[in-house]
Amino acid sequence: MPPAPATSGEPRREQLLNAADRVVQREGPGASMNAIAAEAGITKPILYRHFGDRTGLIRALTERHTGGLLAAVRAALNEPLERRDRVEHVLDTYLAGIESRPQVYRLLTHPETGDPTGAGNALAPALRQIAQEITDAVLHQVDLGPEAELLSEAWGRAITGMVLAAGDWWLETGPCPRPRMVQVLADLLWGRLAAASDLPGATMPAVPTAESATPAD
């Protein structure tokens, strides 16, 4: 099905989101609507007209950034690489995504003090989807025996949680370059994955449609 035609409001909306991105990158998660409106060269009521309130703006930024992150991780999982190389590629894809816009990442993962909107938990649905993508990849590609469903489900969620926590620490403290962090995490994951055989005729599951790939709130 061809994409729906763009509405007249979309280009302006993208300009406003671009302005919000720039302000968040400069000022961090506490960036105000006043600063974003000034960056866009508009008055604050116009910003509210497009997004409703700050929560609506955060939701729009979330859709923009998590959609790109999900697509990148899914593409990395589908790369025709050796298993170890694919593990490193997926890890690098995620870390590169948060490294490229660290302040936006903090906005989506760290609630502000007294924030009633829950904006700091905005990445949670995307992380659940990433966990499911990893689960499906392990289940359809690796021979884990009679407990394959249990192991793939547990590993998908454990890997996602581990990489989220480690990536958060790495981004905050900068202990090493990204390639070294990828190796450190891959070494930890590699134990039983290295020992397992490929499933005969293993193939990746079909790429979900845009509707099915969108996590439910």
N, C-alpha and C. Protein backbone atom coordinates (compact mmCIF):
# COMPACT_ATOMS: atom_id res chain seq x y z
N MET A 1 0.85 -1.19 0.00
CA MET A 1 0.00 0.00 0.00
C MET A 1 0.88 1.24 0.00
N PRO A 2 0.64 2.20 -0.91
CA PRO A 2 1.46 3.41 -0.94
C PRO A 2 1.21 4.25 0.29
N PRO A 3 2.22 5.02 0.70
CA PRO A 3 2.05 5.85 1.89
C PRO A 3 0.98 6.90 1.68
N ALA A 4 0.34 7.29 2.77
CA ALA A 4 -0.68 8.32 2.68
C ALA A 4 -0.03 9.64 2.30
N PRO A 5 -0.70 10.46 1.51
CA PRO A 5 -0.12 11.74 1.11
C PRO A 5 0.10 12.63 2.32
N ALA A 6 1.16 13.43 2.27
CA ALA A 6 1.48 14.33 3.36
C ALA A 6 0.42 15.41 3.48
N THR A 7 0.09 15.80 4.68
CA THR A 7 -0.84 16.90 4.89
C THR A 7 -0.06 18.20 4.94
N SER A 8 -0.79 19.29 4.78
CA SER A 8 -0.11 20.58 4.73
C SER A 8 0.57 20.91 6.05
N GLY A 9 0.11 20.30 7.16
CA GLY A 9 0.70 20.60 8.46
C GLY A 9 1.97 19.85 8.75
N GLU A 10 2.28 18.80 8.02
CA GLU A 10 3.43 17.96 8.35
C GLU A 10 4.77 18.67 8.21
N PRO A 11 5.02 19.41 7.14
CA PRO A 11 6.34 20.06 7.06
C PRO A 11 6.59 21.00 8.23
N ARG A 12 5.59 21.78 8.62
CA ARG A 12 5.74 22.70 9.74
C ARG A 12 5.98 21.92 11.04
N ARG A 13 5.26 20.82 11.21
CA ARG A 13 5.42 19.99 12.39
C ARG A 13 6.85 19.46 12.48
N GLU A 14 7.40 19.03 11.33
CA GLU A 14 8.78 18.55 11.32
C GLU A 14 9.76 19.66 11.68
N GLN A 15 9.49 20.86 11.22
CA GLN A 15 10.36 21.98 11.58
C GLN A 15 10.35 22.20 13.09
N LEU A 16 9.18 22.10 13.70
CA LEU A 16 9.07 22.31 15.14
C LEU A 16 9.78 21.19 15.90
N LEU A 17 9.66 19.95 15.42
CA LEU A 17 10.35 18.85 16.07
C LEU A 17 11.87 18.99 15.92
N ASN A 18 12.30 19.47 14.77
CA ASN A 18 13.73 19.72 14.59
C ASN A 18 14.23 20.77 15.58
N ALA A 19 13.43 21.81 15.78
CA ALA A 19 13.79 22.84 16.76
C ALA A 19 13.83 22.26 18.16
N ALA A 20 12.84 21.43 18.50
CA ALA A 20 12.83 20.80 19.82
C ALA A 20 14.05 19.92 20.01
N ASP A 21 14.44 19.17 18.98
CA ASP A 21 15.63 18.34 19.06
C ASP A 21 16.87 19.18 19.38
N ARG A 22 17.00 20.30 18.69
CA ARG A 22 18.19 21.14 18.89
C ARG A 22 18.24 21.68 20.32
N VAL A 23 17.09 22.11 20.84
CA VAL A 23 17.06 22.68 22.18
C VAL A 23 17.34 21.61 23.22
N VAL A 24 16.75 20.43 23.06
CA VAL A 24 17.00 19.35 24.01
C VAL A 24 18.47 18.96 23.99
N GLN A 25 19.08 18.92 22.81
CA GLN A 25 20.49 18.58 22.72
C GLN A 25 21.36 19.61 23.43
N ARG A 26 20.96 20.88 23.38
CA ARG A 26 21.74 21.93 24.04
C ARG A 26 21.48 21.99 25.54
N GLU A 27 20.20 21.91 25.92
CA GLU A 27 19.81 22.22 27.29
C GLU A 27 19.46 20.99 28.13
N GLY A 28 19.32 19.85 27.48
CA GLY A 28 19.02 18.64 28.23
C GLY A 28 17.54 18.40 28.40
N PRO A 29 17.19 17.37 29.18
CA PRO A 29 15.79 16.96 29.32
C PRO A 29 14.86 18.03 29.87
N GLY A 30 15.39 19.02 30.58
CA GLY A 30 14.54 20.06 31.16
C GLY A 30 14.21 21.19 30.21
N ALA A 31 14.52 21.05 28.93
CA ALA A 31 14.26 22.11 27.96
C ALA A 31 12.80 22.56 28.03
N SER A 32 12.62 23.87 28.05
CA SER A 32 11.27 24.40 28.23
C SER A 32 10.57 24.65 26.90
N MET A 33 9.25 24.74 26.98
CA MET A 33 8.47 25.07 25.79
C MET A 33 8.81 26.47 25.31
N ASN A 34 9.12 27.39 26.23
CA ASN A 34 9.52 28.74 25.83
C ASN A 34 10.78 28.71 24.97
N ALA A 35 11.78 27.92 25.40
CA ALA A 35 13.02 27.84 24.65
C ALA A 35 12.81 27.20 23.29
N ILE A 36 11.96 26.19 23.25
CA ILE A 36 11.69 25.50 21.97
C ILE A 36 10.95 26.44 21.02
N ALA A 37 9.98 27.18 21.54
CA ALA A 37 9.25 28.14 20.70
C ALA A 37 10.20 29.21 20.16
N ALA A 38 11.09 29.70 21.02
CA ALA A 38 12.05 30.71 20.57
C ALA A 38 12.98 30.16 19.50
N GLU A 39 13.41 28.91 19.68
CA GLU A 39 14.29 28.29 18.68
C GLU A 39 13.59 28.18 17.33
N ALA A 40 12.29 27.89 17.38
CA ALA A 40 11.52 27.73 16.14
C ALA A 40 11.08 29.07 15.56
N GLY A 41 11.26 30.15 16.31
CA GLY A 41 10.87 31.46 15.82
C GLY A 41 9.36 31.68 15.84
N ILE A 42 8.69 31.08 16.82
CA ILE A 42 7.25 31.20 16.93
C ILE A 42 6.88 31.55 18.37
N THR A 43 5.61 31.82 18.59
CA THR A 43 5.15 32.03 19.95
C THR A 43 4.74 30.69 20.56
N LYS A 44 4.74 30.65 21.89
CA LYS A 44 4.40 29.39 22.56
C LYS A 44 3.00 28.89 22.24
N PRO A 45 1.99 29.77 22.10
CA PRO A 45 0.66 29.26 21.73
C PRO A 45 0.64 28.48 20.42
N ILE A 46 1.49 28.86 19.47
CA ILE A 46 1.55 28.11 18.21
C ILE A 46 2.11 26.72 18.46
N LEU A 47 3.10 26.62 19.34
CA LEU A 47 3.66 25.31 19.68
C LEU A 47 2.59 24.43 20.33
N TYR A 48 1.82 25.02 21.23
CA TYR A 48 0.75 24.27 21.87
C TYR A 48 -0.32 23.86 20.87
N ARG A 49 -0.55 24.69 19.87
CA ARG A 49 -1.56 24.37 18.86
C ARG A 49 -1.18 23.09 18.10
N HIS A 50 0.11 22.88 17.89
CA HIS A 50 0.56 21.70 17.15
C HIS A 50 0.61 20.45 18.03
N PHE A 51 0.99 20.59 19.32
CA PHE A 51 1.26 19.41 20.14
C PHE A 51 0.38 19.30 21.40
N GLY A 52 -0.43 20.31 21.65
CA GLY A 52 -1.32 20.24 22.80
C GLY A 52 -0.67 20.74 24.07
N ASP A 53 0.41 20.10 24.49
CA ASP A 53 1.15 20.49 25.68
C ASP A 53 2.53 19.85 25.60
N ARG A 54 3.31 19.99 26.66
CA ARG A 54 4.67 19.44 26.65
C ARG A 54 4.66 17.92 26.51
N THR A 55 3.67 17.28 27.13
CA THR A 55 3.56 15.82 27.01
C THR A 55 3.36 15.42 25.56
N GLY A 56 2.53 16.17 24.84
CA GLY A 56 2.31 15.87 23.42
C GLY A 56 3.57 16.04 22.60
N LEU A 57 4.35 17.06 22.93
CA LEU A 57 5.62 17.27 22.22
C LEU A 57 6.59 16.13 22.51
N ILE A 58 6.68 15.71 23.77
CA ILE A 58 7.55 14.59 24.14
C ILE A 58 7.10 13.33 23.41
N ARG A 59 5.80 13.12 23.33
CA ARG A 59 5.28 11.94 22.63
C ARG A 59 5.69 11.95 21.16
N ALA A 60 5.63 13.13 20.54
CA ALA A 60 6.02 13.24 19.14
C ALA A 60 7.51 12.97 18.95
N LEU A 61 8.33 13.51 19.87
CA LEU A 61 9.77 13.23 19.81
C LEU A 61 10.04 11.75 20.02
N THR A 62 9.29 11.14 20.92
CA THR A 62 9.45 9.71 21.19
C THR A 62 9.17 8.90 19.94
N GLU A 63 8.07 9.20 19.26
CA GLU A 63 7.72 8.46 18.05
C GLU A 63 8.80 8.61 16.99
N ARG A 64 9.35 9.81 16.89
CA ARG A 64 10.40 10.05 15.89
C ARG A 64 11.64 9.22 16.20
N HIS A 65 12.12 9.27 17.44
CA HIS A 65 13.41 8.66 17.77
C HIS A 65 13.30 7.16 18.00
N THR A 66 12.24 6.70 18.66
CA THR A 66 12.13 5.27 18.89
C THR A 66 11.81 4.53 17.60
N GLY A 67 11.07 5.17 16.70
CA GLY A 67 10.81 4.54 15.41
C GLY A 67 12.09 4.28 14.65
N GLY A 68 12.97 5.26 14.65
CA GLY A 68 14.26 5.09 13.97
C GLY A 68 15.13 4.05 14.65
N LEU A 69 15.11 4.03 15.99
CA LEU A 69 15.92 3.06 16.73
C LEU A 69 15.43 1.64 16.48
N LEU A 70 14.12 1.44 16.50
CA LEU A 70 13.56 0.11 16.24
C LEU A 70 13.91 -0.36 14.84
N ALA A 71 13.78 0.51 13.87
CA ALA A 71 14.10 0.13 12.49
C ALA A 71 15.57 -0.24 12.35
N ALA A 72 16.45 0.50 13.03
CA ALA A 72 17.88 0.22 12.94
C ALA A 72 18.22 -1.12 13.59
N VAL A 73 17.64 -1.39 14.78
CA VAL A 73 17.91 -2.65 15.46
C VAL A 73 17.37 -3.82 14.64
N ARG A 74 16.17 -3.66 14.09
CA ARG A 74 15.59 -4.74 13.27
C ARG A 74 16.47 -5.03 12.05
N ALA A 75 16.96 -3.98 11.41
CA ALA A 75 17.83 -4.17 10.25
C ALA A 75 19.12 -4.87 10.66
N ALA A 76 19.67 -4.51 11.82
CA ALA A 76 20.90 -5.16 12.30
C ALA A 76 20.68 -6.64 12.57
N LEU A 77 19.53 -6.98 13.15
CA LEU A 77 19.22 -8.39 13.41
C LEU A 77 19.06 -9.19 12.13
N ASN A 78 18.73 -8.53 11.04
CA ASN A 78 18.52 -9.20 9.76
C ASN A 78 19.76 -9.23 8.87
N GLU A 79 20.85 -8.63 9.32
CA GLU A 79 22.06 -8.61 8.50
C GLU A 79 22.60 -10.03 8.33
N PRO A 80 23.01 -10.40 7.10
CA PRO A 80 23.55 -11.75 6.85
C PRO A 80 25.00 -11.87 7.32
N LEU A 81 25.18 -11.89 8.64
CA LEU A 81 26.51 -11.94 9.23
C LEU A 81 26.68 -13.22 10.04
N GLU A 82 27.91 -13.57 10.33
CA GLU A 82 28.17 -14.63 11.28
C GLU A 82 27.59 -14.22 12.64
N ARG A 83 27.25 -15.22 13.47
CA ARG A 83 26.49 -14.92 14.68
C ARG A 83 27.21 -13.92 15.59
N ARG A 84 28.48 -14.11 15.84
CA ARG A 84 29.21 -13.17 16.70
C ARG A 84 29.21 -11.77 16.09
N ASP A 85 29.42 -11.69 14.79
CA ASP A 85 29.41 -10.38 14.12
C ASP A 85 28.04 -9.73 14.23
N ARG A 86 26.99 -10.54 14.14
CA ARG A 86 25.64 -9.98 14.24
C ARG A 86 25.38 -9.46 15.65
N VAL A 87 25.84 -10.21 16.66
CA VAL A 87 25.69 -9.76 18.05
C VAL A 87 26.36 -8.40 18.21
N GLU A 88 27.58 -8.27 17.73
CA GLU A 88 28.30 -7.00 17.86
C GLU A 88 27.62 -5.89 17.07
N HIS A 89 27.09 -6.25 15.90
CA HIS A 89 26.44 -5.24 15.06
C HIS A 89 25.18 -4.70 15.74
N VAL A 90 24.40 -5.57 16.35
CA VAL A 90 23.19 -5.12 17.05
C VAL A 90 23.57 -4.23 18.24
N LEU A 91 24.55 -4.66 19.02
CA LEU A 91 25.00 -3.86 20.15
C LEU A 91 25.50 -2.49 19.69
N ASP A 92 26.29 -2.47 18.63
CA ASP A 92 26.83 -1.21 18.13
C ASP A 92 25.72 -0.30 17.62
N THR A 93 24.72 -0.89 16.98
CA THR A 93 23.60 -0.10 16.46
C THR A 93 22.87 0.62 17.59
N TYR A 94 22.61 -0.10 18.68
CA TYR A 94 21.91 0.52 19.81
C TYR A 94 22.78 1.61 20.45
N LEU A 95 24.04 1.27 20.74
CA LEU A 95 24.91 2.25 21.40
C LEU A 95 25.15 3.47 20.53
N ALA A 96 25.27 3.27 19.22
CA ALA A 96 25.44 4.41 18.32
C ALA A 96 24.20 5.29 18.33
N GLY A 97 23.02 4.66 18.45
CA GLY A 97 21.78 5.42 18.48
C GLY A 97 21.69 6.34 19.68
N ILE A 98 22.06 5.84 20.86
CA ILE A 98 21.96 6.69 22.05
C ILE A 98 23.13 7.67 22.12
N GLU A 99 24.27 7.28 21.55
CA GLU A 99 25.43 8.17 21.57
C GLU A 99 25.21 9.38 20.67
N SER A 100 24.46 9.21 19.59
CA SER A 100 24.29 10.29 18.62
C SER A 100 23.44 11.43 19.17
N ARG A 101 22.52 11.12 20.09
CA ARG A 101 21.66 12.16 20.68
C ARG A 101 21.51 11.88 22.18
N PRO A 102 22.56 12.06 22.93
CA PRO A 102 22.53 11.66 24.35
C PRO A 102 21.48 12.40 25.17
N GLN A 103 21.27 13.69 24.89
CA GLN A 103 20.29 14.43 25.69
C GLN A 103 18.86 13.99 25.38
N VAL A 104 18.60 13.66 24.13
CA VAL A 104 17.28 13.13 23.78
C VAL A 104 17.07 11.79 24.46
N TYR A 105 18.10 10.96 24.47
CA TYR A 105 18.01 9.67 25.16
C TYR A 105 17.69 9.87 26.63
N ARG A 106 18.36 10.83 27.27
CA ARG A 106 18.09 11.08 28.69
C ARG A 106 16.66 11.58 28.90
N LEU A 107 16.17 12.38 27.98
CA LEU A 107 14.80 12.85 28.07
C LEU A 107 13.81 11.69 28.04
N LEU A 108 14.11 10.68 27.22
CA LEU A 108 13.19 9.55 27.05
C LEU A 108 13.34 8.49 28.12
N THR A 109 14.40 8.55 28.93
CA THR A 109 14.63 7.47 29.89
C THR A 109 14.69 7.91 31.34
N HIS A 110 14.90 9.19 31.60
CA HIS A 110 15.07 9.65 32.97
C HIS A 110 14.01 10.68 33.32
N PRO A 111 13.05 10.28 34.15
CA PRO A 111 12.00 11.24 34.54
C PRO A 111 12.60 12.44 35.27
N GLU A 112 12.03 13.61 34.99
CA GLU A 112 12.43 14.79 35.73
C GLU A 112 11.83 14.73 37.14
N THR A 113 12.47 15.37 38.09
CA THR A 113 11.96 15.40 39.46
C THR A 113 10.57 16.02 39.48
N GLY A 114 9.62 15.28 40.02
CA GLY A 114 8.26 15.78 40.10
C GLY A 114 7.53 15.83 38.78
N ASP A 115 8.04 15.17 37.75
CA ASP A 115 7.39 15.19 36.44
C ASP A 115 6.12 14.34 36.48
N PRO A 116 4.95 14.95 36.32
CA PRO A 116 3.71 14.17 36.39
C PRO A 116 3.35 13.49 35.08
N THR A 117 4.09 13.77 34.02
CA THR A 117 3.71 13.26 32.71
C THR A 117 4.26 11.87 32.42
N GLY A 118 5.28 11.44 33.18
CA GLY A 118 5.92 10.17 32.87
C GLY A 118 6.76 10.22 31.62
N ALA A 119 7.14 11.45 31.20
CA ALA A 119 7.91 11.58 29.96
C ALA A 119 9.21 10.80 30.00
N GLY A 120 9.78 10.67 31.20
CA GLY A 120 11.05 9.97 31.32
C GLY A 120 10.95 8.48 31.14
N ASN A 121 9.75 7.94 30.98
CA ASN A 121 9.57 6.51 30.71
C ASN A 121 9.16 6.27 29.27
N ALA A 122 9.35 7.26 28.42
CA ALA A 122 8.81 7.19 27.06
C ALA A 122 9.45 6.10 26.21
N LEU A 123 10.66 5.70 26.55
CA LEU A 123 11.35 4.68 25.74
C LEU A 123 10.88 3.27 26.07
N ALA A 124 10.14 3.09 27.16
CA ALA A 124 9.78 1.75 27.61
C ALA A 124 9.07 0.91 26.55
N PRO A 125 8.06 1.43 25.83
CA PRO A 125 7.42 0.59 24.81
C PRO A 125 8.38 0.14 23.72
N ALA A 126 9.30 1.01 23.32
CA ALA A 126 10.28 0.63 22.30
C ALA A 126 11.21 -0.45 22.81
N LEU A 127 11.59 -0.37 24.09
CA LEU A 127 12.47 -1.40 24.66
C LEU A 127 11.77 -2.75 24.70
N ARG A 128 10.47 -2.74 25.01
CA ARG A 128 9.72 -4.00 24.98
C ARG A 128 9.71 -4.58 23.57
N GLN A 129 9.59 -3.72 22.58
CA GLN A 129 9.59 -4.20 21.20
C GLN A 129 10.96 -4.73 20.80
N ILE A 130 12.03 -4.05 21.23
CA ILE A 130 13.38 -4.54 20.95
C ILE A 130 13.58 -5.92 21.58
N ALA A 131 13.11 -6.09 22.83
CA ALA A 131 13.21 -7.39 23.49
C ALA A 131 12.51 -8.47 22.68
N GLN A 132 11.34 -8.12 22.12
CA GLN A 132 10.62 -9.10 21.31
C GLN A 132 11.36 -9.42 20.02
N GLU A 133 11.97 -8.41 19.41
CA GLU A 133 12.74 -8.63 18.19
C GLU A 133 13.91 -9.59 18.46
N ILE A 134 14.61 -9.40 19.58
CA ILE A 134 15.73 -10.27 19.94
C ILE A 134 15.22 -11.68 20.23
N THR A 135 14.10 -11.78 20.96
CA THR A 135 13.50 -13.07 21.24
C THR A 135 13.20 -13.83 19.97
N ASP A 136 12.57 -13.17 19.01
CA ASP A 136 12.22 -13.83 17.74
C ASP A 136 13.46 -14.26 16.98
N ALA A 137 14.49 -13.41 16.99
CA ALA A 137 15.72 -13.75 16.27
C ALA A 137 16.36 -15.00 16.87
N VAL A 138 16.47 -15.06 18.20
CA VAL A 138 17.07 -16.22 18.85
C VAL A 138 16.23 -17.47 18.60
N LEU A 139 14.92 -17.35 18.74
CA LEU A 139 14.03 -18.50 18.59
C LEU A 139 14.09 -19.08 17.18
N HIS A 140 14.20 -18.23 16.17
CA HIS A 140 14.14 -18.69 14.78
C HIS A 140 15.51 -19.02 14.19
N GLN A 141 16.57 -18.71 14.90
CA GLN A 141 17.90 -18.93 14.31
C GLN A 141 18.78 -19.90 15.08
N VAL A 142 18.55 -20.06 16.38
CA VAL A 142 19.48 -20.81 17.22
C VAL A 142 18.78 -22.04 17.80
N ASP A 143 19.47 -23.17 17.76
CA ASP A 143 18.93 -24.43 18.29
C ASP A 143 19.20 -24.50 19.79
N LEU A 144 18.16 -24.23 20.57
CA LEU A 144 18.29 -24.25 22.03
C LEU A 144 17.58 -25.44 22.65
N GLY A 145 17.20 -26.40 21.81
CA GLY A 145 16.61 -27.62 22.34
C GLY A 145 15.17 -27.44 22.80
N PRO A 146 14.71 -28.35 23.68
CA PRO A 146 13.30 -28.35 24.07
C PRO A 146 12.86 -27.12 24.85
N GLU A 147 13.79 -26.38 25.41
CA GLU A 147 13.44 -25.17 26.16
C GLU A 147 13.63 -23.90 25.33
N ALA A 148 13.59 -24.04 24.03
CA ALA A 148 13.88 -22.90 23.16
C ALA A 148 12.98 -21.70 23.42
N GLU A 149 11.69 -21.94 23.60
CA GLU A 149 10.77 -20.82 23.81
C GLU A 149 11.08 -20.10 25.12
N LEU A 150 11.28 -20.86 26.19
CA LEU A 150 11.60 -20.25 27.48
C LEU A 150 12.90 -19.47 27.40
N LEU A 151 13.95 -20.09 26.85
CA LEU A 151 15.26 -19.46 26.81
C LEU A 151 15.24 -18.20 25.93
N SER A 152 14.62 -18.29 24.78
CA SER A 152 14.61 -17.13 23.88
C SER A 152 13.85 -15.97 24.50
N GLU A 153 12.71 -16.25 25.17
CA GLU A 153 11.96 -15.18 25.83
C GLU A 153 12.78 -14.56 26.95
N ALA A 154 13.38 -15.40 27.79
CA ALA A 154 14.18 -14.88 28.91
C ALA A 154 15.39 -14.11 28.41
N TRP A 155 16.07 -14.65 27.41
CA TRP A 155 17.26 -13.99 26.90
C TRP A 155 16.92 -12.66 26.23
N GLY A 156 15.83 -12.62 25.47
CA GLY A 156 15.45 -11.39 24.80
C GLY A 156 15.27 -10.24 25.77
N ARG A 157 14.59 -10.53 26.87
CA ARG A 157 14.36 -9.49 27.87
C ARG A 157 15.62 -9.19 28.69
N ALA A 158 16.38 -10.23 29.02
CA ALA A 158 17.60 -10.03 29.80
C ALA A 158 18.64 -9.24 29.01
N ILE A 159 18.79 -9.57 27.75
CA ILE A 159 19.76 -8.85 26.92
C ILE A 159 19.37 -7.38 26.81
N THR A 160 18.08 -7.13 26.58
CA THR A 160 17.63 -5.75 26.45
C THR A 160 17.87 -4.97 27.73
N GLY A 161 17.53 -5.56 28.87
CA GLY A 161 17.74 -4.88 30.15
C GLY A 161 19.21 -4.64 30.43
N MET A 162 20.04 -5.64 30.12
CA MET A 162 21.47 -5.50 30.35
C MET A 162 22.05 -4.37 29.51
N VAL A 163 21.71 -4.36 28.23
CA VAL A 163 22.27 -3.35 27.33
C VAL A 163 21.74 -1.96 27.69
N LEU A 164 20.47 -1.88 28.12
CA LEU A 164 19.94 -0.59 28.56
C LEU A 164 20.73 -0.05 29.74
N ALA A 165 20.93 -0.89 30.79
CA ALA A 165 21.65 -0.44 31.98
C ALA A 165 23.11 -0.13 31.67
N ALA A 166 23.75 -1.02 30.91
CA ALA A 166 25.17 -0.80 30.59
C ALA A 166 25.34 0.41 29.68
N GLY A 167 24.43 0.57 28.72
CA GLY A 167 24.51 1.72 27.82
C GLY A 167 24.29 3.02 28.56
N ASP A 168 23.40 3.02 29.52
CA ASP A 168 23.14 4.20 30.32
C ASP A 168 24.39 4.60 31.10
N TRP A 169 25.02 3.61 31.73
CA TRP A 169 26.26 3.87 32.48
C TRP A 169 27.38 4.34 31.55
N TRP A 170 27.50 3.69 30.41
CA TRP A 170 28.56 4.04 29.45
C TRP A 170 28.38 5.46 28.93
N LEU A 171 27.14 5.82 28.61
CA LEU A 171 26.88 7.16 28.09
C LEU A 171 27.15 8.22 29.15
N GLU A 172 26.85 7.89 30.41
CA GLU A 172 27.01 8.86 31.49
C GLU A 172 28.47 9.04 31.89
N THR A 173 29.25 7.96 31.90
CA THR A 173 30.61 8.02 32.44
C THR A 173 31.70 8.02 31.38
N GLY A 174 31.40 7.53 30.17
CA GLY A 174 32.40 7.50 29.10
C GLY A 174 33.66 6.73 29.44
N PRO A 175 33.57 5.48 29.94
CA PRO A 175 34.76 4.77 30.37
C PRO A 175 35.63 4.25 29.23
N CYS A 176 35.07 4.15 28.03
CA CYS A 176 35.82 3.59 26.90
C CYS A 176 35.12 3.97 25.61
N PRO A 177 35.82 3.87 24.47
CA PRO A 177 35.17 4.13 23.17
C PRO A 177 34.08 3.09 22.89
N ARG A 178 33.16 3.45 22.01
CA ARG A 178 32.04 2.56 21.70
C ARG A 178 32.48 1.18 21.20
N PRO A 179 33.47 1.05 20.30
CA PRO A 179 33.86 -0.30 19.85
C PRO A 179 34.30 -1.21 21.00
N ARG A 180 34.98 -0.63 22.00
CA ARG A 180 35.41 -1.45 23.14
C ARG A 180 34.21 -1.87 23.98
N MET A 181 33.25 -0.98 24.15
CA MET A 181 32.05 -1.33 24.91
C MET A 181 31.27 -2.43 24.21
N VAL A 182 31.21 -2.38 22.91
CA VAL A 182 30.55 -3.44 22.13
C VAL A 182 31.21 -4.78 22.41
N GLN A 183 32.55 -4.82 22.39
CA GLN A 183 33.27 -6.06 22.65
C GLN A 183 33.01 -6.58 24.07
N VAL A 184 33.00 -5.67 25.05
CA VAL A 184 32.77 -6.07 26.44
C VAL A 184 31.40 -6.73 26.59
N LEU A 185 30.38 -6.13 26.02
CA LEU A 185 29.03 -6.69 26.14
C LEU A 185 28.90 -7.98 25.34
N ALA A 186 29.49 -8.00 24.15
CA ALA A 186 29.41 -9.21 23.33
C ALA A 186 30.10 -10.38 24.01
N ASP A 187 31.22 -10.13 24.66
CA ASP A 187 31.91 -11.20 25.39
C ASP A 187 31.02 -11.80 26.47
N LEU A 188 30.28 -10.95 27.16
CA LEU A 188 29.40 -11.43 28.22
C LEU A 188 28.26 -12.28 27.65
N LEU A 189 27.73 -11.89 26.50
CA LEU A 189 26.61 -12.59 25.90
C LEU A 189 27.01 -13.88 25.19
N TRP A 190 28.27 -14.01 24.88
CA TRP A 190 28.67 -14.99 23.88
C TRP A 190 28.67 -16.43 24.38
N GLY A 191 28.70 -16.67 25.70
CA GLY A 191 28.84 -18.01 26.24
C GLY A 191 28.00 -19.08 25.56
N ARG A 192 26.74 -19.22 25.90
CA ARG A 192 25.93 -20.30 25.37
C ARG A 192 25.52 -20.06 23.92
N LEU A 193 25.44 -18.82 23.51
CA LEU A 193 25.13 -18.54 22.11
C LEU A 193 26.20 -19.14 21.19
N ALA A 194 27.45 -19.08 21.62
CA ALA A 194 28.54 -19.61 20.80
C ALA A 194 28.45 -21.12 20.69
N ALA A 195 28.00 -21.78 21.77
CA ALA A 195 27.96 -23.24 21.79
C ALA A 195 26.77 -23.82 21.03
N ALA A 196 25.70 -23.05 20.89
CA ALA A 196 24.48 -23.56 20.24
C ALA A 196 24.66 -23.62 18.73
N SER A 197 24.00 -24.61 18.13
CA SER A 197 24.04 -24.75 16.68
C SER A 197 22.97 -23.88 16.02
N ASP A 198 23.16 -23.61 14.74
CA ASP A 198 22.10 -22.95 13.98
C ASP A 198 20.97 -23.94 13.75
N LEU A 199 19.74 -23.44 13.74
CA LEU A 199 18.62 -24.28 13.35
C LEU A 199 18.71 -24.60 11.87
N PRO A 200 18.35 -25.83 11.46
CA PRO A 200 18.37 -26.15 10.03
C PRO A 200 17.46 -25.22 9.26
N GLY A 201 17.99 -24.63 8.20
CA GLY A 201 17.20 -23.74 7.37
C GLY A 201 16.69 -22.52 8.10
N ALA A 202 17.45 -22.06 9.12
CA ALA A 202 17.00 -20.94 9.92
C ALA A 202 16.79 -19.71 9.07
N THR A 203 15.67 -19.06 9.28
CA THR A 203 15.37 -17.81 8.60
C THR A 203 14.82 -16.82 9.61
N MET A 204 14.97 -15.56 9.29
CA MET A 204 14.39 -14.53 10.15
C MET A 204 12.90 -14.49 9.95
N PRO A 205 12.12 -14.18 11.00
CA PRO A 205 10.69 -13.98 10.84
C PRO A 205 10.41 -12.81 9.92
N ALA A 206 9.22 -12.79 9.35
CA ALA A 206 8.84 -11.70 8.46
C ALA A 206 8.90 -10.38 9.21
N VAL A 207 9.33 -9.33 8.51
CA VAL A 207 9.39 -8.02 9.12
C VAL A 207 7.98 -7.54 9.37
N PRO A 208 7.65 -7.13 10.62
CA PRO A 208 6.28 -6.70 10.91
C PRO A 208 5.90 -5.47 10.11
N THR A 209 4.61 -5.30 9.90
CA THR A 209 4.12 -4.09 9.28
C THR A 209 4.25 -2.94 10.26
N ALA A 210 4.08 -1.72 9.76
CA ALA A 210 4.19 -0.56 10.63
C ALA A 210 3.18 -0.62 11.75
N GLU A 211 1.98 -1.17 11.45
CA GLU A 211 0.95 -1.24 12.48
C GLU A 211 1.33 -2.24 13.56
N SER A 212 1.82 -3.42 13.14
CA SER A 212 2.13 -4.45 14.14
C SER A 212 3.41 -4.15 14.90
N ALA A 213 4.29 -3.30 14.32
CA ALA A 213 5.55 -2.99 14.98
C ALA A 213 5.41 -1.88 16.00
N THR A 214 4.27 -1.21 16.03
CA THR A 214 4.09 -0.10 16.95
C THR A 214 3.63 -0.63 18.30
N PRO A 215 4.44 -0.46 19.36
CA PRO A 215 4.05 -0.99 20.66
C PRO A 215 2.81 -0.29 21.19
N ALA A 216 1.99 -1.05 21.85
CA ALA A 216 0.82 -0.45 22.48
C ALA A 216 1.22 0.22 23.77
N ASP A 217 0.64 1.39 24.03
CA ASP A 217 0.92 2.07 25.30
C ASP A 217 0.24 1.35 26.44
